[in-house]
Amino acid sequence: MTYTSMMVNVELGRSNKGLLTTATGLANRFNAHLIGIGVCKPMQFAYGDGYISGDLIRQDQDEITEEIHEAETEFHAVVKESMAESLQIFEWRSAITLTQLSDYVAQQARCADLIINCAKSGSIFDDARVMNIGDLVMQTGRPVLIIPPDMASLDLNCVVIGWNDSRESRRAIIDALPLLRQATKVVVVEISKDDNLPDAHAHLDDVVAWLHRHDIKAESLASFSVNDDTNQLLAIIQDYRANMIVVGAFGHSRFREWVFGGVTHDLLLRADCCTFVSH
């Protein structure tokens, strides 16, 4: 299993250079086709039923057209500068949509193995320019890699897998296999209640053995829950200086109702490393 195509979702109205550089680096690493995508919603469909004058609507349409053009120009410039000469396989797609931004990206995700998004683009509510990452993950049927806004490359010195022996955790670890194979160190972590620690150790032994059969060396950590799983997992990430965490997403589609393998969406918003999410 490998990634043959990747899709990077850019936020209109701002520079996406770090995001695009990271995505291009990953495409180079896997010799993958890279697709840039930009989508926007007109203000009259983004902010309710209030009255908006015709002049404002026309101004908004002009701004959207300009922002899409700027995003496409930056995409081509960064990719041409960063992509290996032997590869140079990329394309741009964009749209003005009347529905949720995530609807369009989810439709286009049929041609990609991995979606790459910036954490700064993740808001609780979808608006004209900003993608709701919660809806994106729940709709695409593809894993989503969320990177911090200041990142310009993805190092895989250490990857932490947040495990809770669920369907979502199993899906996430399979989807992440190509990246896990490139990691220097992999740590599988389960946060468990005290009376479940023996079961947690048994779960992790199986997962580590399964990873070994996929030529991935890993270690395990069963940690006793202190009733703040988000901060506990963040502390583990920091202790290991992890560059990426792999988690399964389950729950409702609205971002505020999410849980990632036992922790809330706070993990994604507060982590300094990349978050690989699969549903």
Protein backbone atom coordinates (compact mmCIF):
# COMPACT_ATOMS: atom_id res chain seq x y z
CA MET A 1 0.00 0.00 0.00
CA THR A 2 1.21 3.50 -0.86
CA TYR A 3 -0.18 6.92 -1.67
CA THR A 4 -0.36 7.46 -5.43
CA SER A 5 -2.31 10.72 -5.28
CA MET A 6 -2.71 13.48 -2.69
CA MET A 7 -5.05 16.44 -2.46
CA VAL A 8 -4.09 19.63 -0.62
CA ASN A 9 -6.90 21.97 0.39
CA VAL A 10 -5.87 25.63 0.53
CA GLU A 11 -7.57 28.45 2.39
CA LEU A 12 -8.45 31.37 0.16
CA GLY A 13 -7.48 34.91 1.09
CA ARG A 14 -4.16 34.02 2.74
CA SER A 15 -0.78 32.52 1.89
CA ASN A 16 -0.59 28.73 2.01
CA LYS A 17 3.13 28.42 1.31
CA GLY A 18 3.97 26.23 4.34
CA LEU A 19 1.05 23.92 3.64
CA LEU A 20 1.91 23.65 -0.04
CA THR A 21 5.60 23.07 0.64
CA THR A 22 4.75 20.27 3.08
CA ALA A 23 2.30 18.70 0.62
CA THR A 24 4.81 18.89 -2.22
CA GLY A 25 7.47 17.27 -0.04
CA LEU A 26 5.11 14.39 0.70
CA ALA A 27 4.22 14.02 -2.98
CA ASN A 28 7.93 13.84 -3.78
CA ARG A 29 8.44 11.22 -1.07
CA PHE A 30 5.77 8.93 -2.49
CA ASN A 31 6.08 9.86 -6.18
CA ALA A 32 2.45 10.87 -5.93
CA HIS A 33 0.20 12.98 -8.13
CA LEU A 34 -0.60 16.24 -6.27
CA ILE A 35 -3.94 18.01 -6.62
CA GLY A 36 -4.45 21.52 -5.28
CA ILE A 37 -7.99 22.50 -4.43
CA GLY A 38 -9.61 25.82 -3.51
CA VAL A 39 -13.27 26.38 -2.78
CA CYS A 40 -15.32 29.34 -1.57
CA LYS A 41 -18.92 30.17 -0.77
CA PRO A 42 -20.50 33.53 -1.71
CA MET A 43 -21.36 35.66 1.31
CA GLN A 44 -25.11 35.57 0.65
CA PHE A 45 -25.04 31.79 1.16
CA ALA A 46 -22.53 31.81 4.01
CA TYR A 47 -24.00 34.25 6.51
CA GLY A 48 -27.70 33.57 6.76
CA ASP A 49 -30.75 35.20 5.27
CA GLY A 50 -29.99 38.85 6.02
CA TYR A 51 -30.25 41.41 3.24
CA ILE A 52 -27.11 41.95 1.17
CA SER A 53 -27.05 44.66 -1.47
CA GLY A 54 -26.31 43.92 -5.10
CA ASP A 55 -23.14 46.00 -4.94
CA LEU A 56 -21.82 43.91 -2.07
CA ILE A 57 -22.67 40.69 -3.90
CA ARG A 58 -20.79 41.86 -7.01
CA GLN A 59 -17.84 42.99 -4.88
CA ASP A 60 -17.80 39.63 -3.13
CA GLN A 61 -17.84 37.78 -6.46
CA ASP A 62 -14.90 39.85 -7.68
CA GLU A 63 -12.98 39.14 -4.47
CA ILE A 64 -13.66 35.40 -4.73
CA THR A 65 -12.47 35.33 -8.34
CA GLU A 66 -9.28 37.18 -7.37
CA GLU A 67 -8.62 34.97 -4.33
CA ILE A 68 -9.03 31.79 -6.36
CA HIS A 69 -6.63 33.17 -8.98
CA GLU A 70 -4.08 34.11 -6.29
CA ALA A 71 -4.38 30.67 -4.66
CA GLU A 72 -3.86 28.91 -8.00
CA THR A 73 -0.87 31.12 -8.80
CA GLU A 74 0.73 30.36 -5.42
CA PHE A 75 0.02 26.64 -5.82
CA HIS A 76 1.76 26.46 -9.19
CA ALA A 77 4.68 28.60 -8.01
CA VAL A 78 5.38 26.60 -4.84
CA VAL A 79 4.88 23.21 -6.48
CA LYS A 80 7.09 24.00 -9.47
CA GLU A 81 9.80 25.24 -7.11
CA SER A 82 9.62 22.31 -4.68
CA MET A 83 8.56 19.29 -6.71
CA ALA A 84 11.19 16.89 -8.01
CA GLU A 85 11.90 17.38 -11.73
CA SER A 86 11.36 13.67 -12.30
CA LEU A 87 7.82 13.95 -10.96
CA GLN A 88 6.10 17.22 -11.92
CA ILE A 89 2.63 15.66 -11.84
CA PHE A 90 0.12 18.09 -10.40
CA GLU A 91 -3.15 19.85 -11.15
CA TRP A 92 -5.42 22.55 -9.75
CA ARG A 93 -9.17 22.41 -9.11
CA SER A 94 -11.43 25.15 -7.77
CA ALA A 95 -15.07 26.02 -7.39
CA ILE A 96 -17.56 28.52 -6.04
CA THR A 97 -20.12 26.46 -4.17
CA LEU A 98 -23.52 27.18 -2.66
CA THR A 99 -23.24 24.31 -0.18
CA GLN A 100 -20.72 23.42 2.54
CA LEU A 101 -17.09 23.73 1.49
CA SER A 102 -16.48 20.20 2.72
CA ASP A 103 -19.12 18.87 0.30
CA TYR A 104 -17.05 19.92 -2.70
CA VAL A 105 -13.77 18.61 -1.32
CA ALA A 106 -15.43 15.32 -0.36
CA GLN A 107 -16.68 14.89 -3.93
CA GLN A 108 -13.24 15.58 -5.36
CA ALA A 109 -11.62 13.20 -2.84
CA ARG A 110 -12.60 10.29 -5.06
CA CYS A 111 -9.33 10.82 -6.94
CA ALA A 112 -7.01 11.06 -3.91
CA ASP A 113 -5.55 8.64 -1.35
CA LEU A 114 -4.80 11.34 1.22
CA ILE A 115 -6.22 14.80 1.96
CA ILE A 116 -3.88 17.43 3.42
CA ASN A 117 -5.30 20.37 5.34
CA CYS A 118 -3.96 23.12 7.58
CA ALA A 119 -5.01 23.16 11.24
CA LYS A 120 -5.61 26.89 10.98
CA SER A 121 -8.32 26.12 8.43
CA GLY A 122 -10.26 24.05 10.93
CA SER A 123 -13.12 25.91 12.54
CA ILE A 124 -16.15 24.69 14.40
CA PHE A 125 -18.48 26.25 11.86
CA ASP A 126 -18.09 26.30 8.10
CA ASP A 127 -17.99 29.81 6.63
CA ALA A 128 -17.21 31.38 3.27
CA ARG A 129 -13.47 30.69 3.34
CA VAL A 130 -12.70 28.26 6.19
CA MET A 131 -13.17 24.51 6.00
CA ASN A 132 -14.84 22.59 8.80
CA ILE A 133 -12.32 19.78 9.29
CA GLY A 134 -14.84 17.72 11.24
CA ASP A 135 -17.22 17.57 8.32
CA LEU A 136 -14.31 17.01 5.94
CA VAL A 137 -13.08 13.87 7.72
CA MET A 138 -16.55 12.44 8.19
CA GLN A 139 -17.51 12.94 4.52
CA THR A 140 -14.45 12.14 2.43
CA GLY A 141 -13.92 8.43 3.09
CA ARG A 142 -10.20 9.28 2.96
CA PRO A 143 -7.64 9.90 5.69
CA VAL A 144 -6.89 13.55 6.42
CA LEU A 145 -3.48 14.86 7.44
CA ILE A 146 -3.80 18.11 9.40
CA ILE A 147 -0.60 20.11 9.71
CA PRO A 148 0.20 23.07 12.02
CA PRO A 149 0.03 26.46 10.29
CA ASP A 150 3.77 27.18 10.64
CA MET A 151 5.03 23.84 9.34
CA ALA A 152 6.94 23.69 6.06
CA SER A 153 8.03 20.03 6.04
CA LEU A 154 7.01 16.78 7.71
CA ASP A 155 9.73 14.90 9.58
CA LEU A 156 8.86 11.41 10.73
CA ASN A 157 11.39 10.92 13.50
CA CYS A 158 8.65 9.75 15.84
CA VAL A 159 4.99 8.90 15.29
CA VAL A 160 2.54 8.26 18.14
CA ILE A 161 -0.54 6.13 17.48
CA GLY A 162 -3.48 6.88 19.77
CA TRP A 163 -5.06 3.46 20.25
CA ASN A 164 -8.36 2.50 21.90
CA ASP A 165 -9.09 -0.86 20.22
CA SER A 166 -11.97 0.50 18.16
CA ARG A 167 -12.95 0.15 14.52
CA GLU A 168 -11.81 3.73 13.98
CA SER A 169 -8.35 3.05 15.44
CA ARG A 170 -7.95 0.00 13.20
CA ARG A 171 -8.99 2.03 10.15
CA ALA A 172 -6.59 4.84 10.99
CA ILE A 173 -3.54 2.63 11.48
CA ILE A 174 -4.13 0.88 8.16
CA ASP A 175 -4.57 4.18 6.33
CA ALA A 176 -1.35 5.48 7.90
CA LEU A 177 0.83 2.48 6.97
CA PRO A 178 2.76 4.25 4.17
CA LEU A 179 3.80 7.01 6.57
CA LEU A 180 4.49 4.61 9.44
CA ARG A 181 6.91 2.68 7.25
CA GLN A 182 8.97 5.83 6.87
CA ALA A 183 9.00 6.71 10.57
CA THR A 184 12.18 6.29 12.58
CA LYS A 185 10.21 5.47 15.72
CA VAL A 186 6.59 4.40 16.27
CA VAL A 187 4.90 4.36 19.68
CA VAL A 188 1.44 2.85 20.17
CA VAL A 189 -0.31 4.44 23.15
CA GLU A 190 -3.49 3.41 24.96
CA ILE A 191 -4.84 5.44 27.86
CA SER A 192 -6.84 3.14 30.09
CA LYS A 193 -8.59 2.97 33.42
CA ASP A 194 -6.62 1.20 36.13
CA ASP A 195 -8.69 -1.99 36.08
CA ASN A 196 -8.30 -2.24 32.29
CA LEU A 197 -4.52 -1.92 32.14
CA PRO A 198 -3.93 -5.67 31.63
CA ASP A 199 -6.30 -5.61 28.65
CA ALA A 200 -4.57 -2.51 27.31
CA HIS A 201 -1.19 -4.26 27.44
CA ALA A 202 -2.68 -7.23 25.57
CA HIS A 203 -4.18 -4.95 22.90
CA LEU A 204 -0.90 -3.14 22.38
CA ASP A 205 1.12 -6.37 22.18
CA ASP A 206 -1.11 -7.47 19.30
CA VAL A 207 -0.83 -4.13 17.52
CA VAL A 208 2.96 -4.02 17.84
CA ALA A 209 3.20 -7.58 16.52
CA TRP A 210 0.90 -6.68 13.60
CA LEU A 211 3.04 -3.66 12.76
CA HIS A 212 6.15 -5.83 12.88
CA ARG A 213 4.61 -8.11 10.24
CA HIS A 214 4.32 -4.99 8.09
CA ASP A 215 8.05 -4.33 8.60
CA ILE A 216 7.40 -1.52 11.09
CA LYS A 217 9.22 -1.61 14.40
CA ALA A 218 7.12 -0.18 17.20
CA GLU A 219 6.96 0.04 20.97
CA SER A 220 3.94 0.31 23.22
CA LEU A 221 2.85 2.43 26.17
CA ALA A 222 -0.20 1.65 28.31
CA SER A 223 -0.90 4.71 30.42
CA PHE A 224 -3.24 4.97 33.41
CA SER A 225 -5.97 7.54 32.79
CA VAL A 226 -6.01 10.62 35.01
CA ASN A 227 -9.39 11.74 33.60
CA ASP A 228 -7.87 14.32 31.25
CA ASP A 229 -7.01 12.20 28.25
CA THR A 230 -6.37 15.15 25.95
CA ASN A 231 -3.66 16.72 28.10
CA GLN A 232 -2.30 13.29 28.95
CA LEU A 233 -1.88 12.36 25.30
CA LEU A 234 -0.42 15.78 24.49
CA ALA A 235 2.12 15.29 27.28
CA ILE A 236 3.09 11.90 25.83
CA ILE A 237 3.49 13.47 22.38
CA GLN A 238 5.75 16.12 23.88
CA ASP A 239 7.77 13.57 25.90
CA TYR A 240 8.51 11.59 22.76
CA ARG A 241 8.93 14.73 20.65
CA ALA A 242 6.57 13.17 18.16
CA ASN A 243 6.14 14.73 14.72
CA MET A 244 2.78 13.11 14.03
CA ILE A 245 -0.06 11.44 15.87
CA VAL A 246 -2.38 8.90 14.24
CA VAL A 247 -5.93 8.74 15.59
CA GLY A 248 -9.30 7.37 14.59
CA ALA A 249 -12.24 9.79 14.48
CA PHE A 250 -15.70 8.83 15.59
CA GLY A 251 -18.84 10.59 16.78
CA HIS A 252 -21.06 13.11 15.07
CA SER A 253 -20.02 15.16 12.10
CA ARG A 254 -20.09 18.50 13.89
CA PHE A 255 -16.58 19.30 14.98
CA ARG A 256 -17.46 20.16 18.59
CA GLU A 257 -18.97 16.70 19.06
CA TRP A 258 -15.94 14.80 17.84
CA VAL A 259 -13.73 12.49 19.74
CA PHE A 260 -10.38 11.25 18.46
CA GLY A 261 -9.66 7.83 19.86
CA GLY A 262 -10.88 8.90 23.30
CA VAL A 263 -9.92 12.58 23.33
CA THR A 264 -11.73 15.68 22.11
CA HIS A 265 -10.98 17.90 19.16
CA ASP A 266 -8.75 19.91 21.51
CA LEU A 267 -5.97 17.51 20.55
CA LEU A 268 -6.03 18.68 16.96
CA LEU A 269 -6.27 22.35 17.83
CA ARG A 270 -3.53 22.29 20.48
CA ALA A 271 -0.97 19.80 19.19
CA ASP A 272 2.25 21.18 17.74
CA CYS A 273 2.67 18.10 15.56
CA CYS A 274 0.71 16.81 12.57
CA THR A 275 -2.50 14.89 13.20
CA PHE A 276 -3.39 12.01 10.88
CA VAL A 277 -7.15 11.38 11.21
CA SER A 278 -9.21 8.60 9.66
CA HIS A 279 -12.86 7.65 10.00
